[in-house]
Every structure is written in structure tokens, then in C-alpha cells.
Amino acid sequence: MNLFDAKQPELLNISCTLRLRKFNRVAPQALVWYQNEETLRLVCRNNPAPFDLVRLKRMYDYLEQHGELYYIECADNGWFHAIGDVTLCPHDLPIVIGDPAYRGKGIGSQVIRALTIRAMNYGIKELYVEDIYDDNIGSRRAFQKCGFTASKKTQFGHSYRLTKTTLTVH
């Protein structure tokens, strides 16, 4: 989906060691992320069964049709590799740091901030996150650090909202 009437970039550089790469195919490590019990607990309460390749492709197809889908890539020793995924959608901003070794390092906040700035620069005045589970402390903190606030109660947590006036650019 062309969210901003502009071509989705192949790469969005966030820092010299962090970037977003436009999704073009399922990366082998992505299947591992969505088979990890902790990842599933954080993102899939209604269907916590490990993903198979069919379910993963179906999820990525849906996300790609509804927004800008990216792999989150980090550089180690000069080589970039995928550690998670994120999609900038009109009414959601799902992000998964799939590799547990990269959680809690501020990567999610950097990615969220970069995509919120991208959206706001293209005239989007509000962004939303459909659902963050209350026990997903890392995700809640990352979005709150970027100016998102809880907007309504959901079954397991809250939805969050960001307006242009609450955008924080640290």
C-alpha cells in the first residue's frame, strides 16, 4: 500500500548501526522470531501457537497491503542483519524486536520515532497502536517515550494514540 502517495523507500537509515529495509520476502530468521514463546506471549494473545511459514506469509501479506512494512536491521561488525519488523499503517504501528538479544536496548523507540516523524512529515496528524498488552512493559515504554498515550482499554491492555502536538523528538 502506498500510504503517503510517495514511493516507500528501500532503506530508511536511523543511525549508522540501525536502519529499516523495505520488506520484499520472508527472511529465514523471521520464522524463528514467531516461533519464540516470549515473542508470541508479547504479541499474540488470541492465537499464541507458533507460526508456520504459511501463517507468517499471511501476516506479512496483510501488513504489506495495509502499510509500509520493513525489517529492522542492526549492524554488527559492519554487517546489517534483520532483528525484527515494523509496519507503519494508518491505524496501527505494529513492531516486533524478534531477536531477544536486541530487546531493551532502545531500538524500538528509535524505530518508532523515525516512523512517526516520517508520517508527520507527510501530513499524518495522528498515529495509533491497536493494542499493547499491559504486561508488555518494553513496548509500552517505547511508545510512551515517543509521546504515545493510552487512549482506550482493550481485552489485554490498551490502545495508544499520538497526535502531532504530543510527538517527542529526543
N, C-alpha and C. Protein backbone atom coordinates (compact mmCIF):
# COMPACT_ATOMS: atom_id res chain seq x y z
N MET A 1 0.85 -1.19 0.00
CA MET A 1 0.00 0.00 0.00
C MET A 1 0.88 1.24 0.00
N ASN A 2 0.51 2.22 -0.78
CA ASN A 2 1.26 3.47 -0.84
C ASN A 2 0.61 4.45 0.13
N LEU A 3 1.10 4.47 1.35
CA LEU A 3 0.48 5.21 2.44
C LEU A 3 0.53 6.72 2.24
N PHE A 4 1.58 7.24 1.66
CA PHE A 4 1.79 8.69 1.62
C PHE A 4 1.81 9.27 0.21
N ASP A 5 1.31 8.52 -0.75
CA ASP A 5 1.40 8.94 -2.14
C ASP A 5 2.84 9.25 -2.53
N ALA A 6 3.75 8.54 -1.90
CA ALA A 6 5.17 8.63 -2.22
C ALA A 6 5.70 7.21 -2.19
N LYS A 7 6.71 6.96 -2.97
CA LYS A 7 7.28 5.62 -3.02
C LYS A 7 7.92 5.26 -1.68
N GLN A 8 7.58 4.07 -1.18
CA GLN A 8 8.21 3.59 0.05
C GLN A 8 9.70 3.40 -0.22
N PRO A 9 10.54 3.98 0.61
CA PRO A 9 11.98 3.85 0.37
C PRO A 9 12.47 2.42 0.62
N GLU A 10 13.48 2.02 -0.13
CA GLU A 10 14.10 0.71 0.09
C GLU A 10 14.78 0.66 1.45
N LEU A 11 15.42 1.77 1.84
CA LEU A 11 16.12 1.86 3.13
C LEU A 11 15.76 3.17 3.81
N LEU A 12 15.56 3.09 5.12
CA LEU A 12 15.44 4.28 5.96
C LEU A 12 16.54 4.17 7.00
N ASN A 13 17.57 4.99 6.87
CA ASN A 13 18.66 4.96 7.84
C ASN A 13 18.25 5.73 9.09
N ILE A 14 18.41 5.09 10.23
CA ILE A 14 18.07 5.71 11.50
C ILE A 14 19.34 6.16 12.20
N SER A 15 20.38 5.37 12.13
CA SER A 15 21.70 5.71 12.65
C SER A 15 22.72 4.91 11.84
N CYS A 16 23.97 5.02 12.21
CA CYS A 16 24.98 4.28 11.44
C CYS A 16 24.90 2.77 11.70
N THR A 17 24.18 2.35 12.73
CA THR A 17 24.06 0.92 13.04
C THR A 17 22.62 0.43 13.04
N LEU A 18 21.67 1.27 12.67
CA LEU A 18 20.26 0.89 12.69
C LEU A 18 19.56 1.45 11.46
N ARG A 19 18.81 0.58 10.78
CA ARG A 19 18.08 1.02 9.60
C ARG A 19 16.85 0.14 9.41
N LEU A 20 15.97 0.62 8.54
CA LEU A 20 14.79 -0.14 8.13
C LEU A 20 14.95 -0.49 6.66
N ARG A 21 14.70 -1.76 6.33
CA ARG A 21 14.76 -2.22 4.94
C ARG A 21 13.36 -2.63 4.51
N LYS A 22 12.92 -2.11 3.37
CA LYS A 22 11.61 -2.44 2.82
C LYS A 22 11.49 -3.96 2.68
N PHE A 23 10.36 -4.47 3.14
CA PHE A 23 10.09 -5.90 3.04
C PHE A 23 9.99 -6.30 1.58
N ASN A 24 10.65 -7.42 1.20
CA ASN A 24 10.48 -7.94 -0.15
C ASN A 24 10.30 -9.45 -0.17
N ARG A 25 10.64 -10.12 0.93
CA ARG A 25 10.42 -11.57 1.06
C ARG A 25 10.62 -11.95 2.52
N VAL A 26 10.13 -13.12 2.87
CA VAL A 26 10.26 -13.59 4.25
C VAL A 26 11.71 -13.96 4.52
N ALA A 27 12.31 -13.31 5.50
CA ALA A 27 13.67 -13.64 5.92
C ALA A 27 13.63 -14.90 6.78
N PRO A 28 14.59 -15.80 6.60
CA PRO A 28 14.57 -17.06 7.36
C PRO A 28 14.49 -16.85 8.88
N GLN A 29 15.16 -15.84 9.40
CA GLN A 29 15.15 -15.63 10.85
C GLN A 29 13.79 -15.17 11.37
N ALA A 30 12.94 -14.63 10.48
CA ALA A 30 11.62 -14.16 10.91
C ALA A 30 10.77 -15.32 11.40
N LEU A 31 10.87 -16.45 10.77
CA LEU A 31 10.11 -17.61 11.23
C LEU A 31 10.54 -18.01 12.64
N VAL A 32 11.81 -17.90 12.93
CA VAL A 32 12.32 -18.20 14.28
C VAL A 32 11.72 -17.23 15.29
N TRP A 33 11.62 -15.94 14.95
CA TRP A 33 11.05 -14.96 15.88
C TRP A 33 9.64 -15.35 16.27
N TYR A 34 8.84 -15.73 15.27
CA TYR A 34 7.43 -16.00 15.51
C TYR A 34 7.16 -17.44 15.96
N GLN A 35 8.22 -18.13 16.30
CA GLN A 35 8.10 -19.42 16.96
C GLN A 35 8.59 -19.34 18.40
N ASN A 36 9.15 -18.20 18.76
CA ASN A 36 9.68 -17.98 20.10
C ASN A 36 8.54 -17.73 21.09
N GLU A 37 8.53 -18.49 22.17
CA GLU A 37 7.44 -18.42 23.15
C GLU A 37 7.26 -17.01 23.73
N GLU A 38 8.35 -16.34 24.06
CA GLU A 38 8.27 -15.00 24.64
C GLU A 38 7.70 -14.00 23.63
N THR A 39 8.13 -14.07 22.38
CA THR A 39 7.59 -13.19 21.35
C THR A 39 6.09 -13.40 21.20
N LEU A 40 5.68 -14.64 21.14
CA LEU A 40 4.25 -14.95 20.98
C LEU A 40 3.45 -14.42 22.17
N ARG A 41 3.99 -14.54 23.37
CA ARG A 41 3.30 -14.03 24.56
C ARG A 41 3.12 -12.51 24.47
N LEU A 42 4.09 -11.82 23.91
CA LEU A 42 4.04 -10.36 23.82
C LEU A 42 3.12 -9.84 22.72
N VAL A 43 2.87 -10.66 21.68
CA VAL A 43 2.14 -10.14 20.53
C VAL A 43 0.91 -10.93 20.09
N CYS A 44 0.70 -12.12 20.59
CA CYS A 44 -0.34 -12.99 20.02
C CYS A 44 -1.22 -13.64 21.08
N ARG A 45 -1.86 -12.89 21.90
CA ARG A 45 -2.69 -13.49 22.96
C ARG A 45 -3.83 -14.35 22.44
N ASN A 46 -4.45 -13.94 21.36
CA ASN A 46 -5.61 -14.68 20.86
C ASN A 46 -5.24 -15.95 20.11
N ASN A 47 -4.02 -16.04 19.60
CA ASN A 47 -3.57 -17.24 18.90
C ASN A 47 -2.07 -17.41 19.14
N PRO A 48 -1.69 -17.88 20.34
CA PRO A 48 -0.27 -17.93 20.70
C PRO A 48 0.50 -19.12 20.12
N ALA A 49 -0.12 -19.89 19.25
CA ALA A 49 0.57 -21.03 18.65
C ALA A 49 1.73 -20.54 17.79
N PRO A 50 2.85 -21.27 17.80
CA PRO A 50 3.98 -20.87 16.94
C PRO A 50 3.55 -20.77 15.48
N PHE A 51 4.11 -19.81 14.79
CA PHE A 51 3.81 -19.60 13.38
C PHE A 51 4.48 -20.69 12.55
N ASP A 52 3.80 -21.09 11.48
CA ASP A 52 4.46 -21.84 10.43
C ASP A 52 4.66 -20.86 9.27
N LEU A 53 5.29 -21.31 8.22
CA LEU A 53 5.60 -20.41 7.11
C LEU A 53 4.34 -19.85 6.46
N VAL A 54 3.28 -20.62 6.37
CA VAL A 54 2.02 -20.16 5.76
C VAL A 54 1.43 -19.01 6.58
N ARG A 55 1.38 -19.18 7.90
CA ARG A 55 0.82 -18.13 8.76
C ARG A 55 1.68 -16.87 8.71
N LEU A 56 3.00 -17.04 8.70
CA LEU A 56 3.90 -15.90 8.63
C LEU A 56 3.72 -15.13 7.33
N LYS A 57 3.66 -15.84 6.22
CA LYS A 57 3.44 -15.18 4.92
C LYS A 57 2.10 -14.46 4.90
N ARG A 58 1.06 -15.08 5.46
CA ARG A 58 -0.26 -14.46 5.51
C ARG A 58 -0.20 -13.16 6.31
N MET A 59 0.51 -13.16 7.45
CA MET A 59 0.64 -11.95 8.26
C MET A 59 1.38 -10.86 7.48
N TYR A 60 2.50 -11.22 6.86
CA TYR A 60 3.27 -10.22 6.11
C TYR A 60 2.49 -9.70 4.90
N ASP A 61 1.74 -10.57 4.23
CA ASP A 61 0.90 -10.12 3.11
C ASP A 61 -0.10 -9.08 3.59
N TYR A 62 -0.75 -9.35 4.71
CA TYR A 62 -1.73 -8.41 5.27
C TYR A 62 -1.05 -7.08 5.60
N LEU A 63 0.07 -7.14 6.31
CA LEU A 63 0.75 -5.90 6.72
C LEU A 63 1.23 -5.11 5.50
N GLU A 64 1.74 -5.80 4.51
CA GLU A 64 2.24 -5.12 3.30
C GLU A 64 1.10 -4.45 2.53
N GLN A 65 -0.09 -5.03 2.57
CA GLN A 65 -1.25 -4.44 1.89
C GLN A 65 -1.82 -3.25 2.65
N HIS A 66 -1.53 -3.14 3.93
CA HIS A 66 -2.14 -2.10 4.76
C HIS A 66 -1.17 -1.02 5.24
N GLY A 67 0.07 -1.09 4.83
CA GLY A 67 1.02 -0.09 5.28
C GLY A 67 2.41 -0.30 4.69
N GLU A 68 3.36 0.39 5.25
CA GLU A 68 4.75 0.25 4.84
C GLU A 68 5.42 -0.76 5.79
N LEU A 69 5.76 -1.92 5.25
CA LEU A 69 6.35 -3.00 6.03
C LEU A 69 7.87 -2.98 5.86
N TYR A 70 8.57 -3.03 6.99
CA TYR A 70 10.03 -3.01 6.98
C TYR A 70 10.59 -4.09 7.90
N TYR A 71 11.80 -4.54 7.56
CA TYR A 71 12.62 -5.27 8.53
C TYR A 71 13.47 -4.26 9.27
N ILE A 72 13.63 -4.47 10.55
CA ILE A 72 14.53 -3.66 11.37
C ILE A 72 15.89 -4.34 11.28
N GLU A 73 16.91 -3.59 10.86
CA GLU A 73 18.24 -4.16 10.72
C GLU A 73 19.23 -3.44 11.60
N CYS A 74 20.10 -4.22 12.25
CA CYS A 74 21.19 -3.70 13.07
C CYS A 74 22.51 -4.16 12.48
N ALA A 75 23.52 -3.33 12.65
CA ALA A 75 24.85 -3.68 12.16
C ALA A 75 25.70 -4.20 13.31
N ASP A 76 26.33 -5.31 13.05
CA ASP A 76 27.33 -5.87 13.94
C ASP A 76 28.57 -6.11 13.10
N ASN A 77 29.68 -5.52 13.52
CA ASN A 77 30.93 -5.65 12.76
C ASN A 77 30.76 -5.22 11.30
N GLY A 78 29.94 -4.20 11.08
CA GLY A 78 29.77 -3.64 9.74
C GLY A 78 28.75 -4.34 8.86
N TRP A 79 28.16 -5.44 9.33
CA TRP A 79 27.19 -6.19 8.54
C TRP A 79 25.81 -6.03 9.14
N PHE A 80 24.85 -5.63 8.31
CA PHE A 80 23.47 -5.47 8.77
C PHE A 80 22.74 -6.81 8.69
N HIS A 81 21.92 -7.08 9.70
CA HIS A 81 21.07 -8.27 9.70
C HIS A 81 19.75 -7.92 10.37
N ALA A 82 18.70 -8.61 9.93
CA ALA A 82 17.36 -8.34 10.43
C ALA A 82 17.21 -8.85 11.87
N ILE A 83 16.60 -7.99 12.71
CA ILE A 83 16.36 -8.36 14.12
C ILE A 83 14.89 -8.22 14.50
N GLY A 84 14.07 -7.74 13.56
CA GLY A 84 12.65 -7.54 13.85
C GLY A 84 11.94 -6.95 12.65
N ASP A 85 10.67 -6.61 12.86
CA ASP A 85 9.89 -5.99 11.79
C ASP A 85 8.97 -4.93 12.36
N VAL A 86 8.54 -4.04 11.48
CA VAL A 86 7.65 -2.95 11.86
C VAL A 86 6.84 -2.54 10.64
N THR A 87 5.60 -2.11 10.89
CA THR A 87 4.75 -1.66 9.79
C THR A 87 4.10 -0.34 10.18
N LEU A 88 4.22 0.64 9.33
CA LEU A 88 3.56 1.93 9.51
C LEU A 88 2.23 1.87 8.77
N CYS A 89 1.14 1.74 9.52
CA CYS A 89 -0.22 1.66 8.97
C CYS A 89 -1.01 2.90 9.40
N PRO A 90 -2.10 3.19 8.72
CA PRO A 90 -2.91 4.34 9.11
C PRO A 90 -3.46 4.25 10.53
N HIS A 91 -3.77 3.03 10.99
CA HIS A 91 -4.39 2.90 12.31
C HIS A 91 -3.65 1.92 13.22
N ASP A 92 -2.39 1.67 12.93
CA ASP A 92 -1.61 0.78 13.78
C ASP A 92 -0.13 0.94 13.44
N LEU A 93 0.71 0.60 14.40
CA LEU A 93 2.16 0.65 14.22
C LEU A 93 2.77 -0.57 14.90
N PRO A 94 2.48 -1.77 14.35
CA PRO A 94 3.00 -2.97 14.99
C PRO A 94 4.51 -3.11 14.81
N ILE A 95 5.18 -3.40 15.91
CA ILE A 95 6.63 -3.56 15.90
C ILE A 95 6.98 -4.79 16.72
N VAL A 96 7.93 -5.56 16.23
CA VAL A 96 8.43 -6.72 16.94
C VAL A 96 9.96 -6.72 16.86
N ILE A 97 10.59 -6.67 18.02
CA ILE A 97 12.03 -6.92 18.08
C ILE A 97 12.11 -8.43 18.27
N GLY A 98 12.30 -9.13 17.18
CA GLY A 98 12.21 -10.59 17.19
C GLY A 98 13.39 -11.28 17.84
N ASP A 99 14.56 -10.71 17.69
CA ASP A 99 15.75 -11.29 18.30
C ASP A 99 15.85 -10.81 19.74
N PRO A 100 15.65 -11.70 20.72
CA PRO A 100 15.63 -11.29 22.13
C PRO A 100 16.91 -10.58 22.58
N ALA A 101 18.02 -10.83 21.92
CA ALA A 101 19.28 -10.18 22.31
C ALA A 101 19.25 -8.67 22.08
N TYR A 102 18.31 -8.17 21.29
CA TYR A 102 18.24 -6.75 20.96
C TYR A 102 17.12 -6.02 21.70
N ARG A 103 16.38 -6.72 22.53
CA ARG A 103 15.31 -6.08 23.30
C ARG A 103 15.90 -5.31 24.47
N GLY A 104 15.21 -4.21 24.84
CA GLY A 104 15.64 -3.42 25.98
C GLY A 104 16.84 -2.54 25.72
N LYS A 105 17.17 -2.31 24.48
CA LYS A 105 18.34 -1.50 24.12
C LYS A 105 17.96 -0.16 23.48
N GLY A 106 16.67 0.18 23.48
CA GLY A 106 16.23 1.45 22.90
C GLY A 106 15.99 1.41 21.41
N ILE A 107 16.14 0.26 20.78
CA ILE A 107 15.96 0.15 19.34
C ILE A 107 14.51 0.43 18.96
N GLY A 108 13.57 -0.13 19.71
CA GLY A 108 12.15 0.10 19.41
C GLY A 108 11.80 1.56 19.41
N SER A 109 12.27 2.31 20.41
CA SER A 109 11.99 3.74 20.48
C SER A 109 12.56 4.49 19.28
N GLN A 110 13.76 4.13 18.87
CA GLN A 110 14.37 4.79 17.72
C GLN A 110 13.56 4.53 16.44
N VAL A 111 13.11 3.30 16.28
CA VAL A 111 12.32 2.93 15.10
C VAL A 111 10.97 3.65 15.12
N ILE A 112 10.30 3.62 16.26
CA ILE A 112 9.00 4.29 16.40
C ILE A 112 9.14 5.78 16.09
N ARG A 113 10.15 6.40 16.66
CA ARG A 113 10.37 7.84 16.45
C ARG A 113 10.60 8.13 14.97
N ALA A 114 11.42 7.34 14.31
CA ALA A 114 11.71 7.57 12.89
C ALA A 114 10.45 7.46 12.05
N LEU A 115 9.62 6.47 12.33
CA LEU A 115 8.40 6.30 11.53
C LEU A 115 7.33 7.33 11.88
N THR A 116 7.27 7.77 13.12
CA THR A 116 6.30 8.83 13.45
C THR A 116 6.70 10.14 12.78
N ILE A 117 7.97 10.43 12.75
CA ILE A 117 8.44 11.63 12.06
C ILE A 117 8.15 11.52 10.56
N ARG A 118 8.40 10.36 9.99
CA ARG A 118 8.08 10.14 8.56
C ARG A 118 6.60 10.41 8.30
N ALA A 119 5.75 9.84 9.12
CA ALA A 119 4.30 10.01 8.95
C ALA A 119 3.90 11.47 9.11
N MET A 120 4.38 12.13 10.14
CA MET A 120 4.02 13.52 10.39
C MET A 120 4.52 14.43 9.26
N ASN A 121 5.71 14.13 8.71
CA ASN A 121 6.24 14.91 7.59
C ASN A 121 5.37 14.78 6.34
N TYR A 122 4.62 13.70 6.23
CA TYR A 122 3.72 13.51 5.11
C TYR A 122 2.29 13.92 5.44
N GLY A 123 2.11 14.65 6.53
CA GLY A 123 0.81 15.22 6.83
C GLY A 123 -0.11 14.38 7.70
N ILE A 124 0.34 13.23 8.14
CA ILE A 124 -0.46 12.42 9.06
C ILE A 124 -0.47 13.14 10.41
N LYS A 125 -1.64 13.40 10.94
CA LYS A 125 -1.74 14.18 12.18
C LYS A 125 -1.88 13.32 13.43
N GLU A 126 -2.30 12.05 13.25
CA GLU A 126 -2.45 11.14 14.39
C GLU A 126 -1.98 9.75 13.99
N LEU A 127 -1.36 9.08 14.94
CA LEU A 127 -0.96 7.68 14.77
C LEU A 127 -1.53 6.87 15.91
N TYR A 128 -1.73 5.60 15.65
CA TYR A 128 -2.36 4.74 16.64
C TYR A 128 -1.60 3.42 16.75
N VAL A 129 -1.74 2.81 17.90
CA VAL A 129 -1.32 1.43 18.11
C VAL A 129 -2.57 0.72 18.60
N GLU A 130 -2.98 -0.32 17.87
CA GLU A 130 -4.24 -1.00 18.20
C GLU A 130 -4.25 -1.57 19.61
N ASP A 131 -3.15 -2.23 20.00
CA ASP A 131 -3.17 -2.92 21.28
C ASP A 131 -1.75 -3.19 21.76
N ILE A 132 -1.47 -2.78 22.97
CA ILE A 132 -0.25 -3.18 23.66
C ILE A 132 -0.71 -3.82 24.96
N TYR A 133 -0.32 -5.06 25.16
CA TYR A 133 -0.71 -5.77 26.37
C TYR A 133 -0.10 -5.10 27.59
N ASP A 134 -0.86 -5.05 28.67
CA ASP A 134 -0.39 -4.36 29.87
C ASP A 134 0.91 -4.93 30.41
N ASP A 135 1.15 -6.24 30.23
CA ASP A 135 2.40 -6.81 30.75
C ASP A 135 3.56 -6.71 29.76
N ASN A 136 3.34 -6.08 28.62
CA ASN A 136 4.42 -5.85 27.66
C ASN A 136 5.07 -4.50 27.99
N ILE A 137 5.80 -4.49 29.06
CA ILE A 137 6.37 -3.26 29.62
C ILE A 137 7.31 -2.58 28.63
N GLY A 138 8.14 -3.36 27.95
CA GLY A 138 9.09 -2.78 27.00
C GLY A 138 8.41 -2.02 25.88
N SER A 139 7.37 -2.60 25.32
CA SER A 139 6.65 -1.93 24.24
C SER A 139 5.92 -0.69 24.74
N ARG A 140 5.28 -0.81 25.89
CA ARG A 140 4.59 0.36 26.46
C ARG A 140 5.58 1.51 26.66
N ARG A 141 6.73 1.21 27.25
CA ARG A 141 7.73 2.26 27.49
C ARG A 141 8.23 2.89 26.20
N ALA A 142 8.48 2.06 25.20
CA ALA A 142 8.99 2.58 23.92
C ALA A 142 8.01 3.56 23.30
N PHE A 143 6.72 3.19 23.27
CA PHE A 143 5.73 4.09 22.67
C PHE A 143 5.50 5.33 23.53
N GLN A 144 5.47 5.17 24.84
CA GLN A 144 5.28 6.33 25.72
C GLN A 144 6.46 7.29 25.62
N LYS A 145 7.66 6.74 25.49
CA LYS A 145 8.85 7.58 25.34
C LYS A 145 8.75 8.47 24.10
N CYS A 146 8.03 7.99 23.09
CA CYS A 146 7.85 8.73 21.83
C CYS A 146 6.61 9.61 21.83
N GLY A 147 5.91 9.69 22.95
CA GLY A 147 4.78 10.60 23.07
C GLY A 147 3.41 9.96 22.95
N PHE A 148 3.33 8.66 22.73
CA PHE A 148 2.03 7.98 22.66
C PHE A 148 1.43 7.89 24.06
N THR A 149 0.12 8.00 24.13
CA THR A 149 -0.58 7.87 25.41
C THR A 149 -1.71 6.85 25.25
N ALA A 150 -2.01 6.15 26.35
CA ALA A 150 -3.10 5.17 26.33
C ALA A 150 -4.39 5.90 26.00
N SER A 151 -5.17 5.33 25.08
CA SER A 151 -6.40 6.01 24.68
C SER A 151 -7.66 5.24 25.02
N LYS A 152 -7.59 3.91 25.05
CA LYS A 152 -8.76 3.14 25.49
C LYS A 152 -8.32 1.75 25.91
N LYS A 153 -9.13 1.15 26.76
CA LYS A 153 -8.87 -0.19 27.27
C LYS A 153 -9.20 -1.22 26.20
N THR A 154 -8.35 -2.25 26.10
CA THR A 154 -8.61 -3.39 25.23
C THR A 154 -8.72 -4.64 26.11
N GLN A 155 -8.93 -5.78 25.52
CA GLN A 155 -9.12 -7.00 26.30
C GLN A 155 -7.91 -7.29 27.21
N PHE A 156 -6.69 -7.13 26.69
CA PHE A 156 -5.49 -7.47 27.46
C PHE A 156 -4.62 -6.28 27.79
N GLY A 157 -4.99 -5.09 27.32
CA GLY A 157 -4.13 -3.93 27.54
C GLY A 157 -4.82 -2.64 27.17
N HIS A 158 -4.15 -1.85 26.32
CA HIS A 158 -4.68 -0.56 25.90
C HIS A 158 -4.27 -0.27 24.46
N SER A 159 -5.08 0.53 23.77
CA SER A 159 -4.64 1.10 22.51
C SER A 159 -3.96 2.43 22.87
N TYR A 160 -3.11 2.89 21.96
CA TYR A 160 -2.34 4.11 22.20
C TYR A 160 -2.51 5.06 21.03
N ARG A 161 -2.31 6.32 21.29
CA ARG A 161 -2.52 7.36 20.29
C ARG A 161 -1.43 8.42 20.41
N LEU A 162 -1.05 8.95 19.28
CA LEU A 162 -0.08 10.04 19.21
C LEU A 162 -0.64 11.10 18.29
N THR A 163 -0.63 12.33 18.74
CA THR A 163 -1.01 13.44 17.87
C THR A 163 0.25 14.25 17.57
N LYS A 164 0.16 15.03 16.54
CA LYS A 164 1.32 15.84 16.15
C LYS A 164 1.80 16.71 17.32
N THR A 165 0.89 17.16 18.15
CA THR A 165 1.28 18.03 19.27
C THR A 165 1.97 17.25 20.39
N THR A 166 1.79 15.92 20.46
CA THR A 166 2.46 15.16 21.51
C THR A 166 3.70 14.42 21.02
N LEU A 167 4.06 14.59 19.75
CA LEU A 167 5.24 13.95 19.20
C LEU A 167 6.49 14.46 19.93
N THR A 168 7.30 13.55 20.41
CA THR A 168 8.56 13.93 21.06
C THR A 168 9.71 13.49 20.17
N VAL A 169 10.65 14.39 19.96
CA VAL A 169 11.79 14.14 19.06
C VAL A 169 13.08 14.30 19.84
N HIS A 170 13.36 13.38 20.73
CA HIS A 170 14.61 13.45 21.51
C HIS A 170 15.79 13.04 20.69
